[in-house]
C-alpha atoms as a PDB file:
ATOM      1  CA  MET A   1       0.000   0.000   0.000  1.00  0.00           C
ATOM      2  CA  ALA A   2       1.424   3.364  -1.027  1.00  0.00           C
ATOM      3  CA  ILE A   3       1.803   6.033   1.643  1.00  0.00           C
ATOM      4  CA  SER A   4      -0.095   9.258   0.960  1.00  0.00           C
ATOM      5  CA  LEU A   5      -1.807  12.039   2.873  1.00  0.00           C
ATOM      6  CA  ALA A   6      -4.997  10.025   2.566  1.00  0.00           C
ATOM      7  CA  SER A   7      -3.504   7.487   4.969  1.00  0.00           C
ATOM      8  CA  LEU A   8      -3.154  10.034   7.782  1.00  0.00           C
ATOM      9  CA  ARG A   9      -5.160   9.281  10.910  1.00  0.00           C
ATOM     10  CA  LYS A  10      -5.503  10.572  14.442  1.00  0.00           C
ATOM     11  CA  VAL A  11      -3.268   8.741  16.926  1.00  0.00           C
ATOM     12  CA  ARG A  12      -3.888   9.012  20.649  1.00  0.00           C
ATOM     13  CA  ALA A  13      -1.316   8.355  23.364  1.00  0.00           C
ATOM     14  CA  ASP A  14      -3.496   6.082  25.463  1.00  0.00           C
ATOM     15  CA  GLN A  15      -1.104   3.290  26.368  1.00  0.00           C
ATOM     16  CA  PRO A  16      -0.254   2.459  29.991  1.00  0.00           C
ATOM     17  CA  PRO A  17       2.572   4.539  31.448  1.00  0.00           C
ATOM     18  CA  ARG A  18       6.216   3.520  31.653  1.00  0.00           C
ATOM     19  CA  LEU A  19       7.864   5.114  34.671  1.00  0.00           C
ATOM     20  CA  LEU A  20      11.297   5.165  36.254  1.00  0.00           C
ATOM     21  CA  ILE A  21      11.028   5.941  39.967  1.00  0.00           C
ATOM     22  CA  TYR A  22      14.279   6.535  41.832  1.00  0.00           C
ATOM     23  CA  GLY A  23      15.521   8.179  44.999  1.00  0.00           C
ATOM     24  CA  PRO A  24      17.592   7.783  48.151  1.00  0.00           C
ATOM     25  CA  GLU A  25      17.212   4.751  50.405  1.00  0.00           C
ATOM     26  CA  LYS A  26      14.061   4.347  52.528  1.00  0.00           C
ATOM     27  CA  MET A  27      12.026   6.936  50.600  1.00  0.00           C
ATOM     28  CA  GLY A  28       9.164   4.554  49.786  1.00  0.00           C
ATOM     29  CA  LYS A  29       9.931   3.777  46.136  1.00  0.00           C
ATOM     30  CA  THR A  30       8.792   0.165  46.411  1.00  0.00           C
ATOM     31  CA  THR A  31       5.787   1.247  48.458  1.00  0.00           C
ATOM     32  CA  LEU A  32       4.779   3.706  45.741  1.00  0.00           C
ATOM     33  CA  ALA A  33       5.183   1.057  43.031  1.00  0.00           C
ATOM     34  CA  ALA A  34       3.047  -1.350  45.062  1.00  0.00           C
ATOM     35  CA  GLU A  35       0.159   1.143  44.942  1.00  0.00           C
ATOM     36  CA  PHE A  36      -0.195   0.785  41.161  1.00  0.00           C
ATOM     37  CA  PRO A  37      -3.091  -1.360  39.926  1.00  0.00           C
ATOM     38  CA  ALA A  38      -2.618  -5.129  40.412  1.00  0.00           C
ATOM     39  CA  PRO A  39       1.197  -5.101  40.444  1.00  0.00           C
ATOM     40  CA  VAL A  40       3.520  -8.056  40.018  1.00  0.00           C
ATOM     41  CA  PHE A  41       7.143  -7.627  41.079  1.00  0.00           C
ATOM     42  CA  LEU A  42      10.327  -8.706  39.335  1.00  0.00           C
ATOM     43  CA  GLN A  43      12.639  -8.440  42.327  1.00  0.00           C
ATOM     44  CA  THR A  44      16.343  -8.381  41.617  1.00  0.00           C
ATOM     45  CA  GLU A  45      16.977  -7.509  45.262  1.00  0.00           C
ATOM     46  CA  ARG A  46      15.117  -7.664  48.558  1.00  0.00           C
ATOM     47  CA  GLY A  47      14.076  -4.146  49.440  1.00  0.00           C
ATOM     48  CA  GLU A  48      10.380  -4.219  50.303  1.00  0.00           C
ATOM     49  CA  SER A  49       8.993  -2.807  53.524  1.00  0.00           C
ATOM     50  CA  GLY A  50       8.252  -5.316  56.246  1.00  0.00           C
ATOM     51  CA  ASP A  51       4.500  -4.745  56.086  1.00  0.00           C
ATOM     52  CA  LEU A  52       4.208  -4.956  52.308  1.00  0.00           C
ATOM     53  CA  VAL A  53       2.743  -8.106  50.788  1.00  0.00           C
ATOM     54  CA  LEU A  54       3.784  -8.367  47.138  1.00  0.00           C
ATOM     55  CA  ASP A  55       2.993 -10.716  44.279  1.00  0.00           C
ATOM     56  CA  SER A  56       6.518 -11.654  43.313  1.00  0.00           C
ATOM     57  CA  PHE A  57       8.573 -14.358  41.607  1.00  0.00           C
ATOM     58  CA  GLY A  58      10.952 -14.162  44.548  1.00  0.00           C
ATOM     59  CA  THR A  59      14.462 -12.790  44.243  1.00  0.00           C
ATOM     60  CA  LEU A  60      15.658 -13.175  40.646  1.00  0.00           C
ATOM     61  CA  ASP A  61      19.414 -13.609  40.933  1.00  0.00           C
ATOM     62  CA  THR A  62      20.388 -14.196  37.294  1.00  0.00           C
ATOM     63  CA  PHE A  63      19.684 -12.358  34.067  1.00  0.00           C
ATOM     64  CA  GLU A  64      18.107 -15.501  32.659  1.00  0.00           C
ATOM     65  CA  SER A  65      15.603 -15.709  35.528  1.00  0.00           C
ATOM     66  CA  VAL A  66      14.493 -12.115  34.852  1.00  0.00           C
ATOM     67  CA  VAL A  67      13.875 -12.973  31.199  1.00  0.00           C
ATOM     68  CA  GLU A  68      11.979 -16.139  32.198  1.00  0.00           C
ATOM     69  CA  ALA A  69       9.719 -14.148  34.524  1.00  0.00           C
ATOM     70  CA  ILE A  70       8.934 -11.604  31.796  1.00  0.00           C
ATOM     71  CA  THR A  71       8.236 -14.443  29.364  1.00  0.00           C
ATOM     72  CA  SER A  72       5.798 -16.062  31.782  1.00  0.00           C
ATOM     73  CA  LEU A  73       3.881 -12.784  32.087  1.00  0.00           C
ATOM     74  CA  ALA A  74       3.816 -12.493  28.297  1.00  0.00           C
ATOM     75  CA  THR A  75       2.621 -16.041  27.578  1.00  0.00           C
ATOM     76  CA  GLU A  76       0.536 -17.188  30.553  1.00  0.00           C
ATOM     77  CA  ALA A  77      -2.950 -16.084  31.584  1.00  0.00           C
ATOM     78  CA  HIS A  78      -3.047 -13.621  34.506  1.00  0.00           C
ATOM     79  CA  ASP A  79      -4.871 -10.540  35.806  1.00  0.00           C
ATOM     80  CA  PHE A  80      -1.873  -8.366  36.662  1.00  0.00           C
ATOM     81  CA  GLN A  81      -2.065  -4.802  35.376  1.00  0.00           C
ATOM     82  CA  THR A  82       1.382  -3.471  36.352  1.00  0.00           C
ATOM     83  CA  VAL A  83       4.856  -5.002  36.138  1.00  0.00           C
ATOM     84  CA  VAL A  84       7.424  -3.590  38.568  1.00  0.00           C
ATOM     85  CA  LEU A  85      11.143  -4.191  38.104  1.00  0.00           C
ATOM     86  CA  ASP A  86      12.774  -3.569  41.479  1.00  0.00           C
ATOM     87  CA  SER A  87      15.462  -2.543  40.962  1.00  0.00           C
ATOM     88  CA  VAL A  88      17.208  -1.624  37.732  1.00  0.00           C
ATOM     89  CA  SER A  89      20.298  -0.773  39.773  1.00  0.00           C
ATOM     90  CA  ALA A  90      20.509  -4.397  40.955  1.00  0.00           C
ATOM     91  CA  LEU A  91      19.563  -5.696  37.504  1.00  0.00           C
ATOM     92  CA  GLN A  92      22.686  -4.006  36.161  1.00  0.00           C
ATOM     93  CA  LYS A  93      24.803  -6.402  38.229  1.00  0.00           C
ATOM     94  CA  LEU A  94      22.970  -9.359  36.679  1.00  0.00           C
ATOM     95  CA  VAL A  95      23.466  -7.926  33.194  1.00  0.00           C
ATOM     96  CA  TRP A  96      27.190  -7.487  33.795  1.00  0.00           C
ATOM     97  CA  ASP A  97      27.438 -10.992  35.257  1.00  0.00           C
ATOM     98  CA  LYS A  98      25.825 -12.415  32.117  1.00  0.00           C
ATOM     99  CA  VAL A  99      28.237 -10.495  29.870  1.00  0.00           C
ATOM    100  CA  CYS A 100      31.195 -11.763  31.925  1.00  0.00           C
ATOM    101  CA  ARG A 101      29.971 -15.367  31.800  1.00  0.00           C
ATOM    102  CA  ASP A 102      29.496 -15.171  28.038  1.00  0.00           C
ATOM    103  CA  SER A 103      33.018 -13.779  27.622  1.00  0.00           C
ATOM    104  CA  ASN A 104      34.530 -16.068  30.288  1.00  0.00           C
ATOM    105  CA  VAL A 105      36.060 -13.142  32.168  1.00  0.00           C
ATOM    106  CA  LYS A 106      35.725 -11.905  35.737  1.00  0.00           C
ATOM    107  CA  SER A 107      35.225  -8.192  35.075  1.00  0.00           C
ATOM    108  CA  ILE A 108      32.980  -6.211  32.757  1.00  0.00           C
ATOM    109  CA  GLU A 109      36.052  -4.125  31.965  1.00  0.00           C
ATOM    110  CA  LEU A 110      37.642  -7.192  30.327  1.00  0.00           C
ATOM    111  CA  ALA A 111      34.559  -8.440  28.474  1.00  0.00           C
ATOM    112  CA  GLY A 112      34.547  -8.277  24.698  1.00  0.00           C
ATOM    113  CA  GLY A 113      38.275  -7.738  24.584  1.00  0.00           C
ATOM    114  CA  GLY A 114      38.318  -4.725  26.907  1.00  0.00           C
ATOM    115  CA  TYR A 115      38.351  -1.035  25.996  1.00  0.00           C
ATOM    116  CA  GLY A 116      34.767  -0.610  27.214  1.00  0.00           C
ATOM    117  CA  LYS A 117      33.324  -3.193  24.815  1.00  0.00           C
ATOM    118  CA  GLY A 118      31.698  -5.059  27.692  1.00  0.00           C
ATOM    119  CA  TYR A 119      29.398  -2.119  28.366  1.00  0.00           C
ATOM    120  CA  ILE A 120      28.447  -2.056  24.685  1.00  0.00           C
ATOM    121  CA  GLU A 121      27.612  -5.780  24.797  1.00  0.00           C
ATOM    122  CA  ALA A 122      25.489  -5.096  27.877  1.00  0.00           C
ATOM    123  CA  ASP A 123      23.301  -2.815  25.758  1.00  0.00           C
ATOM    124  CA  ASN A 124      21.880  -5.847  23.943  1.00  0.00           C
ATOM    125  CA  LEU A 125      20.824  -7.454  27.218  1.00  0.00           C
ATOM    126  CA  TRP A 126      19.198  -4.250  28.445  1.00  0.00           C
ATOM    127  CA  LEU A 127      17.325  -4.003  25.148  1.00  0.00           C
ATOM    128  CA  GLN A 128      16.162  -7.604  25.556  1.00  0.00           C
ATOM    129  CA  VAL A 129      14.593  -6.729  28.910  1.00  0.00           C
ATOM    130  CA  LEU A 130      13.124  -3.469  27.628  1.00  0.00           C
ATOM    131  CA  ASP A 131      11.650  -5.220  24.582  1.00  0.00           C
ATOM    132  CA  GLY A 132       9.989  -7.742  26.886  1.00  0.00           C
ATOM    133  CA  LEU A 133       8.556  -5.033  29.113  1.00  0.00           C
ATOM    134  CA  ASN A 134       7.312  -3.113  26.092  1.00  0.00           C
ATOM    135  CA  TYR A 135       5.593  -6.282  24.882  1.00  0.00           C
ATOM    136  CA  LEU A 136       3.783  -6.518  28.220  1.00  0.00           C
ATOM    137  CA  ARG A 137       2.727  -2.910  27.815  1.00  0.00           C
ATOM    138  CA  ASN A 138       1.693  -3.059  24.166  1.00  0.00           C
ATOM    139  CA  GLU A 139       0.178  -6.543  23.993  1.00  0.00           C
ATOM    140  CA  ARG A 140      -0.955  -7.220  27.568  1.00  0.00           C
ATOM    141  CA  GLY A 141      -1.919  -3.665  28.531  1.00  0.00           C
ATOM    142  CA  MET A 142       0.361  -3.514  31.565  1.00  0.00           C
ATOM    143  CA  ALA A 143       1.888  -0.400  33.075  1.00  0.00           C
ATOM    144  CA  VAL A 144       5.646  -0.622  33.561  1.00  0.00           C
ATOM    145  CA  VAL A 145       7.373   0.710  36.687  1.00  0.00           C
ATOM    146  CA  LEU A 146      11.157   0.629  36.986  1.00  0.00           C
ATOM    147  CA  VAL A 147      12.579   1.279  40.454  1.00  0.00           C
ATOM    148  CA  GLY A 148      16.127   2.587  40.817  1.00  0.00           C
ATOM    149  CA  HIS A 149      18.505   3.812  43.475  1.00  0.00           C
ATOM    150  CA  ALA A 150      19.948   7.315  43.557  1.00  0.00           C
ATOM    151  CA  ILE A 151      23.593   8.268  43.767  1.00  0.00           C
ATOM    152  CA  ILE A 152      25.103  11.678  44.365  1.00  0.00           C
ATOM    153  CA  SER A 153      27.508  12.596  41.576  1.00  0.00           C
ATOM    154  CA  ARG A 154      29.665  15.625  40.870  1.00  0.00           C
ATOM    155  CA  PHE A 155      28.847  17.708  37.808  1.00  0.00           C
ATOM    156  CA  ASP A 156      31.576  19.941  36.412  1.00  0.00           C
ATOM    157  CA  ASP A 157      29.658  22.727  34.694  1.00  0.00           C
ATOM    158  CA  PRO A 158      31.925  24.693  32.316  1.00  0.00           C
ATOM    159  CA  GLU A 159      29.789  27.824  32.795  1.00  0.00           C
ATOM    160  CA  THR A 160      29.661  27.934  36.594  1.00  0.00           C
ATOM    161  CA  GLN A 161      30.970  26.216  39.715  1.00  0.00           C
ATOM    162  CA  SER A 162      30.899  22.456  40.040  1.00  0.00           C
ATOM    163  CA  TYR A 163      28.048  21.035  42.089  1.00  0.00           C
ATOM    164  CA  SER A 164      26.596  17.737  43.313  1.00  0.00           C
ATOM    165  CA  ARG A 165      23.403  16.232  41.942  1.00  0.00           C
ATOM    166  CA  TYR A 166      21.168  13.186  42.277  1.00  0.00           C
ATOM    167  CA  ASP A 167      21.569  10.709  39.436  1.00  0.00           C
ATOM    168  CA  ILE A 168      20.244   7.219  38.781  1.00  0.00           C
ATOM    169  CA  ASP A 169      22.626   4.527  40.006  1.00  0.00           C
ATOM    170  CA  LEU A 170      23.377   3.080  36.575  1.00  0.00           C
ATOM    171  CA  HIS A 171      26.198   3.112  34.052  1.00  0.00           C
ATOM    172  CA  LYS A 172      25.744   6.031  31.678  1.00  0.00           C
ATOM    173  CA  ARG A 173      24.940   3.757  28.700  1.00  0.00           C
ATOM    174  CA  ALA A 174      22.200   1.873  30.559  1.00  0.00           C
ATOM    175  CA  GLU A 175      20.883   5.112  32.017  1.00  0.00           C
ATOM    176  CA  ALA A 176      20.571   6.601  28.528  1.00  0.00           C
ATOM    177  CA  LEU A 177      18.668   3.547  27.255  1.00  0.00           C
ATOM    178  CA  LEU A 178      16.158   3.662  30.095  1.00  0.00           C
ATOM    179  CA  LYS A 179      15.672   7.419  29.899  1.00  0.00           C
ATOM    180  CA  ARG A 180      14.845   7.092  26.222  1.00  0.00           C
ATOM    181  CA  GLU A 181      12.247   4.385  26.832  1.00  0.00           C
ATOM    182  CA  VAL A 182      10.217   5.698  29.754  1.00  0.00           C
ATOM    183  CA  ASP A 183       7.453   8.291  29.767  1.00  0.00           C
ATOM    184  CA  ALA A 184       8.423   9.785  33.113  1.00  0.00           C
ATOM    185  CA  ILE A 185      11.453   9.870  35.388  1.00  0.00           C
ATOM    186  CA  LEU A 186      10.329  10.584  38.945  1.00  0.00           C
ATOM    187  CA  LEU A 187      12.566  11.394  41.908  1.00  0.00           C
ATOM    188  CA  VAL A 188      11.180  10.644  45.374  1.00  0.00           C
ATOM    189  CA  LYS A 189      12.839  12.544  48.194  1.00  0.00           C
ATOM    190  CA  LYS A 190      12.287  14.829  51.150  1.00  0.00           C
ATOM    191  CA  ASP A 191      12.828  18.561  51.063  1.00  0.00           C
ATOM    192  CA  VAL A 192      15.985  19.815  52.713  1.00  0.00           C
ATOM    193  CA  THR A 193      16.600  23.392  53.811  1.00  0.00           C
ATOM    194  CA  ILE A 194      19.920  24.766  54.984  1.00  0.00           C
ATOM    195  CA  LYS A 195      19.940  26.865  58.151  1.00  0.00           C
ATOM    196  CA  THR A 196      22.883  28.731  59.607  1.00  0.00           C
ATOM    197  CA  GLU A 197      23.434  29.125  63.308  1.00  0.00           C
ATOM    198  CA  GLY A 198      26.011  30.614  65.627  1.00  0.00           C
ATOM    199  CA  LYS A 199      28.588  33.296  65.089  1.00  0.00           C
ATOM    200  CA  GLY A 200      30.468  31.176  62.611  1.00  0.00           C
ATOM    201  CA  GLU A 201      27.229  30.642  60.661  1.00  0.00           C
ATOM    202  CA  ARG A 202      27.573  26.873  60.783  1.00  0.00           C
ATOM    203  CA  ALA A 203      25.360  25.241  58.164  1.00  0.00           C
ATOM    204  CA  ARG A 204      22.791  22.694  59.337  1.00  0.00           C
ATOM    205  CA  ALA A 205      20.505  20.625  57.121  1.00  0.00           C
ATOM    206  CA  ASP A 206      16.875  20.698  58.187  1.00  0.00           C
ATOM    207  CA  GLY A 207      13.657  19.347  56.745  1.00  0.00           C
ATOM    208  CA  GLY A 208      10.342  17.775  57.611  1.00  0.00           C
ATOM    209  CA  ASP A 209       8.987  14.310  56.940  1.00  0.00           C
ATOM    210  CA  THR A 210       7.003  15.355  53.875  1.00  0.00           C
ATOM    211  CA  ARG A 211       8.022  13.393  50.809  1.00  0.00           C
ATOM    212  CA  TRP A 212       7.652  14.704  47.294  1.00  0.00           C
ATOM    213  CA  ILE A 213       7.639  13.194  43.836  1.00  0.00           C
ATOM    214  CA  TYR A 214       9.689  15.487  41.609  1.00  0.00           C
ATOM    215  CA  THR A 215       8.681  15.346  37.947  1.00  0.00           C
ATOM    216  CA  GLU A 216      10.805  18.046  36.315  1.00  0.00           C
ATOM    217  CA  GLY A 217      14.578  18.086  36.203  1.00  0.00           C
ATOM    218  CA  LYS A 218      16.786  20.710  37.816  1.00  0.00           C
ATOM    219  CA  PRO A 219      20.556  21.122  37.996  1.00  0.00           C
ATOM    220  CA  ALA A 220      20.384  19.211  41.287  1.00  0.00           C
ATOM    221  CA  PHE A 221      18.656  16.109  39.898  1.00  0.00           C
ATOM    222  CA  THR A 222      17.355  14.177  36.903  1.00  0.00           C
ATOM    223  CA  ALA A 223      13.581  14.089  36.291  1.00  0.00           C
ATOM    224  CA  GLY A 224      11.084  14.669  33.495  1.00  0.00           C
ATOM    225  CA  ASN A 225       7.738  13.542  32.099  1.00  0.00           C
ATOM    226  CA  ARG A 226       5.461  13.563  29.052  1.00  0.00           C
ATOM    227  CA  TYR A 227       2.260  14.001  31.035  1.00  0.00           C
ATOM    228  CA  ASN A 228       2.252  17.721  31.850  1.00  0.00           C
ATOM    229  CA  MET A 229       2.619  17.043  35.556  1.00  0.00           C
ATOM    230  CA  PRO A 230       3.326  19.819  38.062  1.00  0.00           C
ATOM    231  CA  ALA A 231       6.951  20.201  39.096  1.00  0.00           C
ATOM    232  CA  ARG A 232       6.366  18.196  42.264  1.00  0.00           C
ATOM    233  CA  ILE A 233       3.568  16.143  43.789  1.00  0.00           C
ATOM    234  CA  MET A 234       3.137  15.338  47.466  1.00  0.00           C
ATOM    235  CA  PHE A 235       3.620  11.657  48.257  1.00  0.00           C
ATOM    236  CA  LYS A 236       1.619  10.242  51.127  1.00  0.00           C
ATOM    237  CA  ARG A 237       1.707   6.529  51.728  1.00  0.00           C
ATOM    238  CA  GLY A 238      -1.398   4.893  50.310  1.00  0.00           C
ATOM    239  CA  GLU A 239      -2.135   7.905  48.093  1.00  0.00           C
ATOM    240  CA  GLY A 240       0.859   7.955  45.737  1.00  0.00           C
ATOM    241  CA  PHE A 241      -0.770   6.332  42.740  1.00  0.00           C
ATOM    242  CA  THR A 242      -3.946   8.312  43.375  1.00  0.00           C
ATOM    243  CA  ALA A 243      -1.894  11.504  43.120  1.00  0.00           C
ATOM    244  CA  LEU A 244      -0.210  10.440  39.874  1.00  0.00           C
ATOM    245  CA  ALA A 245      -3.093   8.739  38.087  1.00  0.00           C
ATOM    246  CA  PRO A 246      -5.010  11.869  36.974  1.00  0.00           C
ATOM    247  CA  PHE A 247      -2.083  12.738  34.693  1.00  0.00           C
ATOM    248  CA  PHE A 248      -1.963   9.351  32.957  1.00  0.00           C
ATOM    249  CA  PRO A 249      -4.216   8.405  30.009  1.00  0.00           C
ATOM    250  CA  GLN A 250      -7.439   7.371  31.720  1.00  0.00           C
ATOM    251  CA  SER A 251      -8.059   4.610  29.205  1.00  0.00           C
ATOM    252  CA  ALA A 252      -4.794   3.090  30.450  1.00  0.00           C
ATOM    253  CA  VAL A 253      -5.272   3.331  34.231  1.00  0.00           C
ATOM    254  CA  GLY A 254      -9.030   3.584  34.648  1.00  0.00           C
ATOM    255  CA  ALA A 255     -11.069   6.328  36.228  1.00  0.00           C
ATOM    256  CA  VAL A 256      -9.822   7.817  39.464  1.00  0.00           C
ATOM    257  CA  GLU A 257     -12.540   9.000  41.828  1.00  0.00           C
ATOM    258  CA  THR A 258     -10.254  10.644  44.383  1.00  0.00           C
ATOM    259  CA  PRO A 259      -9.133  14.303  44.430  1.00  0.00           C
ATOM    260  CA  ALA A 260      -6.450  15.501  42.051  1.00  0.00           C
ATOM    261  CA  ALA A 261      -2.820  15.590  43.098  1.00  0.00           C
ATOM    262  CA  GLN A 262      -1.784  18.046  45.762  1.00  0.00           C
ATOM    263  CA  ALA A 263       1.030  19.993  44.139  1.00  0.00           C
ATOM    264  CA  ALA A 264       3.192  22.946  44.978  1.00  0.00           C
END
């Protein structure tokens, strides 16, 4: 069939969301992911809260077991609506282990003959996982939630002073692949304010217990979204998905009857 203007049609972005949620330890990332509709967890590490009860395959400690779990969700009958990979930071270790086993070396630095080729070979394994997750989204109608850890890295800005920032705890190649795939990168953290005290104006970090989901990037951290979300959304346990859902395609997540997100 020849392509012409007559073949144009309206296309609506109504597929389930693909999210990357990251942040410091103990911020409730797994708890937030567990609030999504009917979630099933691909756990590459044990990090759930003690009072959470999750549908899980157990700890997946090899790359092959992660692929097998995704395949089972793609081929077997089930009622799960969200797949959660917790965490991509731990999955990276499994990816590197697989590359090392295939190359019969002990370090990713030596894989593929060295010179960084091991990281390039790892790209194919990451793409295999991402292709499987996209199949679950496109063919099984499942939302995809990737959970990651945060690291604090130094950024040398050529136009101003160097500064520290939150980044996702991944190699830069894997990080780029995931950023390209997801619809939103969300940072979960508490606010911190700096107060000075005493004659020497000693700096002291201060902040409350309020947790926020940051949706737009700043020099201090990575974030972003395709859903026209406010810059930050308050995260209260048990209400995290409720706060996010109004910004997702409703045909993908269903109607939400609770109030809209509380944003600042």
